[in-house]
Amino acid sequence: MAETMLGEMMPGKELGKKGGNPIDTSISKYNNPGNIEAGIGFDGELKGQGYGPNQRFAVFRTPQLGIRALKLDLSTKLKRFNGDLAAMINQYAPPSENDTGQYLKVVQQYAGVKDKYTEADLDNIVKGFIRMENTKELAEKYIALMEE
């Protein structure tokens, strides 16, 4: 929790490791619903902070900025792979680290089964990726935030 000017603590806020603006920790202390790798430079990424092996994954200032980063990343991949969801998943969550068949099934539960996906499907694709990258409880919180 971060201190206000009066010295009291605000729920859901804590200062970054190096001080400065508070980090919204109301959903997660990392605010990274897609486990986006650190160093890409998305808005709200806290430089010099990370989690996971070798601090591999980025920490974002707010959950909204983490969702935004995921959506931008997946939008780029959607274009790169011409709407091929399986190809997007293979790059994002490689088979060497993930069960890509299961990943595809879960994302399709949100986005439907199609030969080609478009920007109109992006929010549902993002929701599927969030579900795969988080516990059910945490995913539900991020998805609810997207629907506000």
C-alpha atoms as a PDB file:
ATOM      1  CA  MET A   1       0.000   0.000   0.000  1.00  0.00           C
ATOM      2  CA  ALA A   2       1.185   3.524  -0.754  1.00  0.00           C
ATOM      3  CA  GLU A   3       1.203   6.342   1.702  1.00  0.00           C
ATOM      4  CA  THR A   4      -0.922   9.404   1.029  1.00  0.00           C
ATOM      5  CA  MET A   5       0.283  12.904   1.807  1.00  0.00           C
ATOM      6  CA  LEU A   6      -1.097  12.430   5.309  1.00  0.00           C
ATOM      7  CA  GLY A   7       0.914   9.260   5.784  1.00  0.00           C
ATOM      8  CA  GLU A   8      -2.041   6.864   5.714  1.00  0.00           C
ATOM      9  CA  MET A   9      -2.029   3.820   3.452  1.00  0.00           C
ATOM     10  CA  MET A  10      -4.282   3.533   0.391  1.00  0.00           C
ATOM     11  CA  PRO A  11      -5.649   0.018  -0.193  1.00  0.00           C
ATOM     12  CA  GLY A  12      -4.508  -1.626  -3.412  1.00  0.00           C
ATOM     13  CA  LYS A  13      -1.554   0.709  -3.924  1.00  0.00           C
ATOM     14  CA  GLU A  14       2.097   0.238  -3.139  1.00  0.00           C
ATOM     15  CA  LEU A  15       5.186   2.115  -4.195  1.00  0.00           C
ATOM     16  CA  GLY A  16       7.446   0.687  -6.850  1.00  0.00           C
ATOM     17  CA  LYS A  17      10.742  -0.804  -5.659  1.00  0.00           C
ATOM     18  CA  LYS A  18      12.452   2.470  -6.452  1.00  0.00           C
ATOM     19  CA  GLY A  19       9.624   4.630  -5.084  1.00  0.00           C
ATOM     20  CA  GLY A  20       7.738   7.001  -7.333  1.00  0.00           C
ATOM     21  CA  ASN A  21       4.188   6.535  -8.565  1.00  0.00           C
ATOM     22  CA  PRO A  22       2.097   3.904  -6.832  1.00  0.00           C
ATOM     23  CA  ILE A  23       1.450   0.556  -8.450  1.00  0.00           C
ATOM     24  CA  ASP A  24      -2.162  -0.629  -8.483  1.00  0.00           C
ATOM     25  CA  THR A  25      -2.003  -4.048  -6.810  1.00  0.00           C
ATOM     26  CA  SER A  26      -5.752  -4.495  -6.439  1.00  0.00           C
ATOM     27  CA  ILE A  27      -5.732  -7.502  -8.817  1.00  0.00           C
ATOM     28  CA  SER A  28      -2.102  -8.636  -8.890  1.00  0.00           C
ATOM     29  CA  LYS A  29       1.258  -7.328  -7.796  1.00  0.00           C
ATOM     30  CA  TYR A  30       2.519  -7.818 -11.374  1.00  0.00           C
ATOM     31  CA  ASN A  31      -0.445  -6.508 -13.441  1.00  0.00           C
ATOM     32  CA  ASN A  32       0.680  -8.721 -16.318  1.00  0.00           C
ATOM     33  CA  PRO A  33      -2.267 -10.904 -17.358  1.00  0.00           C
ATOM     34  CA  GLY A  34      -0.417 -12.270 -20.381  1.00  0.00           C
ATOM     35  CA  ASN A  35       3.002 -12.889 -18.843  1.00  0.00           C
ATOM     36  CA  ILE A  36       4.488 -10.442 -21.341  1.00  0.00           C
ATOM     37  CA  GLU A  37       8.267 -10.523 -21.342  1.00  0.00           C
ATOM     38  CA  ALA A  38      10.122  -7.604 -19.798  1.00  0.00           C
ATOM     39  CA  GLY A  39      11.954  -5.064 -21.888  1.00  0.00           C
ATOM     40  CA  ILE A  40       9.503  -4.676 -24.779  1.00  0.00           C
ATOM     41  CA  GLY A  41       8.711  -1.147 -23.647  1.00  0.00           C
ATOM     42  CA  PHE A  42       4.919  -1.141 -23.501  1.00  0.00           C
ATOM     43  CA  ASP A  43       3.337   1.847 -21.721  1.00  0.00           C
ATOM     44  CA  GLY A  44       3.257   1.314 -17.988  1.00  0.00           C
ATOM     45  CA  GLU A  45       6.027  -1.302 -17.883  1.00  0.00           C
ATOM     46  CA  LEU A  46       8.184  -0.696 -14.829  1.00  0.00           C
ATOM     47  CA  LYS A  47      11.757  -0.713 -16.020  1.00  0.00           C
ATOM     48  CA  GLY A  48      14.140  -2.769 -13.941  1.00  0.00           C
ATOM     49  CA  GLN A  49      11.335  -4.794 -12.373  1.00  0.00           C
ATOM     50  CA  GLY A  50      10.192  -8.269 -13.290  1.00  0.00           C
ATOM     51  CA  TYR A  51       9.174 -11.661 -12.011  1.00  0.00           C
ATOM     52  CA  GLY A  52       9.740 -15.282 -12.857  1.00  0.00           C
ATOM     53  CA  PRO A  53      13.020 -16.929 -13.812  1.00  0.00           C
ATOM     54  CA  ASN A  54      15.667 -14.250 -14.383  1.00  0.00           C
ATOM     55  CA  GLN A  55      12.987 -11.559 -13.988  1.00  0.00           C
ATOM     56  CA  ARG A  56      11.742 -12.666 -17.441  1.00  0.00           C
ATOM     57  CA  PHE A  57       8.255 -11.154 -17.216  1.00  0.00           C
ATOM     58  CA  ALA A  58       7.291  -7.467 -17.035  1.00  0.00           C
ATOM     59  CA  VAL A  59       5.542  -5.684 -14.200  1.00  0.00           C
ATOM     60  CA  PHE A  60       2.974  -3.054 -15.209  1.00  0.00           C
ATOM     61  CA  ARG A  61       1.833  -0.051 -13.199  1.00  0.00           C
ATOM     62  CA  THR A  62      -1.876  -0.983 -13.499  1.00  0.00           C
ATOM     63  CA  PRO A  63      -3.849  -4.046 -14.588  1.00  0.00           C
ATOM     64  CA  GLN A  64      -5.367  -1.952 -17.399  1.00  0.00           C
ATOM     65  CA  LEU A  65      -1.911  -1.225 -18.812  1.00  0.00           C
ATOM     66  CA  GLY A  66      -1.052  -4.931 -18.636  1.00  0.00           C
ATOM     67  CA  ILE A  67      -4.241  -5.784 -20.543  1.00  0.00           C
ATOM     68  CA  ARG A  68      -3.459  -3.048 -23.073  1.00  0.00           C
ATOM     69  CA  ALA A  69       0.038  -4.456 -23.629  1.00  0.00           C
ATOM     70  CA  LEU A  70      -1.369  -7.951 -24.161  1.00  0.00           C
ATOM     71  CA  LYS A  71      -3.967  -6.652 -26.600  1.00  0.00           C
ATOM     72  CA  LEU A  72      -1.351  -4.724 -28.597  1.00  0.00           C
ATOM     73  CA  ASP A  73       0.949  -7.751 -28.703  1.00  0.00           C
ATOM     74  CA  LEU A  74      -1.832 -10.065 -29.855  1.00  0.00           C
ATOM     75  CA  SER A  75      -3.064  -7.539 -32.426  1.00  0.00           C
ATOM     76  CA  THR A  76       0.415  -7.505 -33.945  1.00  0.00           C
ATOM     77  CA  LYS A  77       0.513 -11.312 -34.015  1.00  0.00           C
ATOM     78  CA  LEU A  78      -2.998 -11.479 -35.496  1.00  0.00           C
ATOM     79  CA  LYS A  79      -1.793  -9.371 -38.429  1.00  0.00           C
ATOM     80  CA  ARG A  80       1.568 -11.145 -38.708  1.00  0.00           C
ATOM     81  CA  PHE A  81      -0.091 -14.563 -38.967  1.00  0.00           C
ATOM     82  CA  ASN A  82      -3.037 -13.401 -41.089  1.00  0.00           C
ATOM     83  CA  GLY A  83      -5.619 -14.487 -38.525  1.00  0.00           C
ATOM     84  CA  ASP A  84      -4.127 -17.949 -37.907  1.00  0.00           C
ATOM     85  CA  LEU A  85      -4.784 -18.479 -34.195  1.00  0.00           C
ATOM     86  CA  ALA A  86      -2.696 -21.653 -33.929  1.00  0.00           C
ATOM     87  CA  ALA A  87       0.335 -19.843 -35.403  1.00  0.00           C
ATOM     88  CA  MET A  88      -0.180 -16.948 -32.957  1.00  0.00           C
ATOM     89  CA  ILE A  89      -0.253 -19.362 -30.034  1.00  0.00           C
ATOM     90  CA  ASN A  90       2.827 -21.246 -31.246  1.00  0.00           C
ATOM     91  CA  GLN A  91       4.831 -18.033 -31.227  1.00  0.00           C
ATOM     92  CA  TYR A  92       3.342 -16.601 -28.026  1.00  0.00           C
ATOM     93  CA  ALA A  93       3.359 -19.810 -25.994  1.00  0.00           C
ATOM     94  CA  PRO A  94       5.786 -22.153 -27.773  1.00  0.00           C
ATOM     95  CA  PRO A  95       5.218 -25.922 -27.634  1.00  0.00           C
ATOM     96  CA  SER A  96       8.544 -26.296 -25.814  1.00  0.00           C
ATOM     97  CA  GLU A  97       6.951 -24.487 -22.832  1.00  0.00           C
ATOM     98  CA  ASN A  98       3.193 -25.052 -23.243  1.00  0.00           C
ATOM     99  CA  ASP A  99       0.518 -27.516 -24.318  1.00  0.00           C
ATOM    100  CA  THR A 100      -0.411 -25.562 -27.436  1.00  0.00           C
ATOM    101  CA  GLY A 101      -3.300 -27.891 -28.300  1.00  0.00           C
ATOM    102  CA  GLN A 102      -4.926 -27.178 -24.939  1.00  0.00           C
ATOM    103  CA  TYR A 103      -4.090 -23.489 -25.295  1.00  0.00           C
ATOM    104  CA  LEU A 104      -5.897 -23.387 -28.661  1.00  0.00           C
ATOM    105  CA  LYS A 105      -8.954 -25.159 -27.230  1.00  0.00           C
ATOM    106  CA  VAL A 106      -9.255 -22.709 -24.347  1.00  0.00           C
ATOM    107  CA  VAL A 107      -8.834 -19.624 -26.536  1.00  0.00           C
ATOM    108  CA  GLN A 108     -11.436 -21.008 -28.953  1.00  0.00           C
ATOM    109  CA  GLN A 109     -13.885 -21.321 -26.039  1.00  0.00           C
ATOM    110  CA  TYR A 110     -13.759 -17.528 -25.902  1.00  0.00           C
ATOM    111  CA  ALA A 111     -13.247 -16.632 -29.577  1.00  0.00           C
ATOM    112  CA  GLY A 112     -15.072 -19.478 -31.335  1.00  0.00           C
ATOM    113  CA  VAL A 113     -13.689 -21.933 -33.871  1.00  0.00           C
ATOM    114  CA  LYS A 114     -12.829 -20.252 -37.171  1.00  0.00           C
ATOM    115  CA  ASP A 115     -10.444 -20.697 -40.059  1.00  0.00           C
ATOM    116  CA  LYS A 116      -9.364 -17.063 -39.798  1.00  0.00           C
ATOM    117  CA  TYR A 117      -9.675 -14.575 -36.942  1.00  0.00           C
ATOM    118  CA  THR A 118      -9.932 -10.792 -37.308  1.00  0.00           C
ATOM    119  CA  GLU A 119      -9.598  -7.666 -35.180  1.00  0.00           C
ATOM    120  CA  ALA A 120     -13.306  -8.106 -34.353  1.00  0.00           C
ATOM    121  CA  ASP A 121     -12.305 -11.281 -32.460  1.00  0.00           C
ATOM    122  CA  LEU A 122      -9.417  -9.663 -30.605  1.00  0.00           C
ATOM    123  CA  ASP A 123     -11.101  -8.994 -27.243  1.00  0.00           C
ATOM    124  CA  ASN A 124     -12.249 -12.616 -27.042  1.00  0.00           C
ATOM    125  CA  ILE A 125      -8.809 -13.866 -28.069  1.00  0.00           C
ATOM    126  CA  VAL A 126      -7.284 -11.710 -25.323  1.00  0.00           C
ATOM    127  CA  LYS A 127      -9.713 -13.209 -22.793  1.00  0.00           C
ATOM    128  CA  GLY A 128      -8.675 -16.722 -23.823  1.00  0.00           C
ATOM    129  CA  PHE A 129      -4.992 -15.897 -23.473  1.00  0.00           C
ATOM    130  CA  ILE A 130      -5.667 -14.365 -20.052  1.00  0.00           C
ATOM    131  CA  ARG A 131      -7.447 -17.552 -18.991  1.00  0.00           C
ATOM    132  CA  MET A 132      -4.472 -19.682 -20.075  1.00  0.00           C
ATOM    133  CA  GLU A 133      -1.850 -17.493 -18.427  1.00  0.00           C
ATOM    134  CA  ASN A 134      -3.517 -17.176 -14.997  1.00  0.00           C
ATOM    135  CA  THR A 135      -5.370 -19.078 -12.335  1.00  0.00           C
ATOM    136  CA  LYS A 136      -9.121 -19.166 -12.929  1.00  0.00           C
ATOM    137  CA  GLU A 137      -9.759 -16.673 -10.108  1.00  0.00           C
ATOM    138  CA  LEU A 138      -7.172 -14.171 -11.334  1.00  0.00           C
ATOM    139  CA  ALA A 139      -8.280 -14.545 -14.969  1.00  0.00           C
ATOM    140  CA  GLU A 140     -11.866 -13.784 -13.965  1.00  0.00           C
ATOM    141  CA  LYS A 141     -10.736 -10.546 -12.296  1.00  0.00           C
ATOM    142  CA  TYR A 142      -8.799  -9.392 -15.379  1.00  0.00           C
ATOM    143  CA  ILE A 143     -11.666 -10.364 -17.715  1.00  0.00           C
ATOM    144  CA  ALA A 144     -14.190  -8.519 -15.527  1.00  0.00           C
ATOM    145  CA  LEU A 145     -11.955  -5.454 -15.741  1.00  0.00           C
ATOM    146  CA  MET A 146     -12.029  -5.706 -19.553  1.00  0.00           C
ATOM    147  CA  GLU A 147     -15.830  -5.757 -19.467  1.00  0.00           C
ATOM    148  CA  GLU A 148     -16.233  -2.625 -17.320  1.00  0.00           C
END
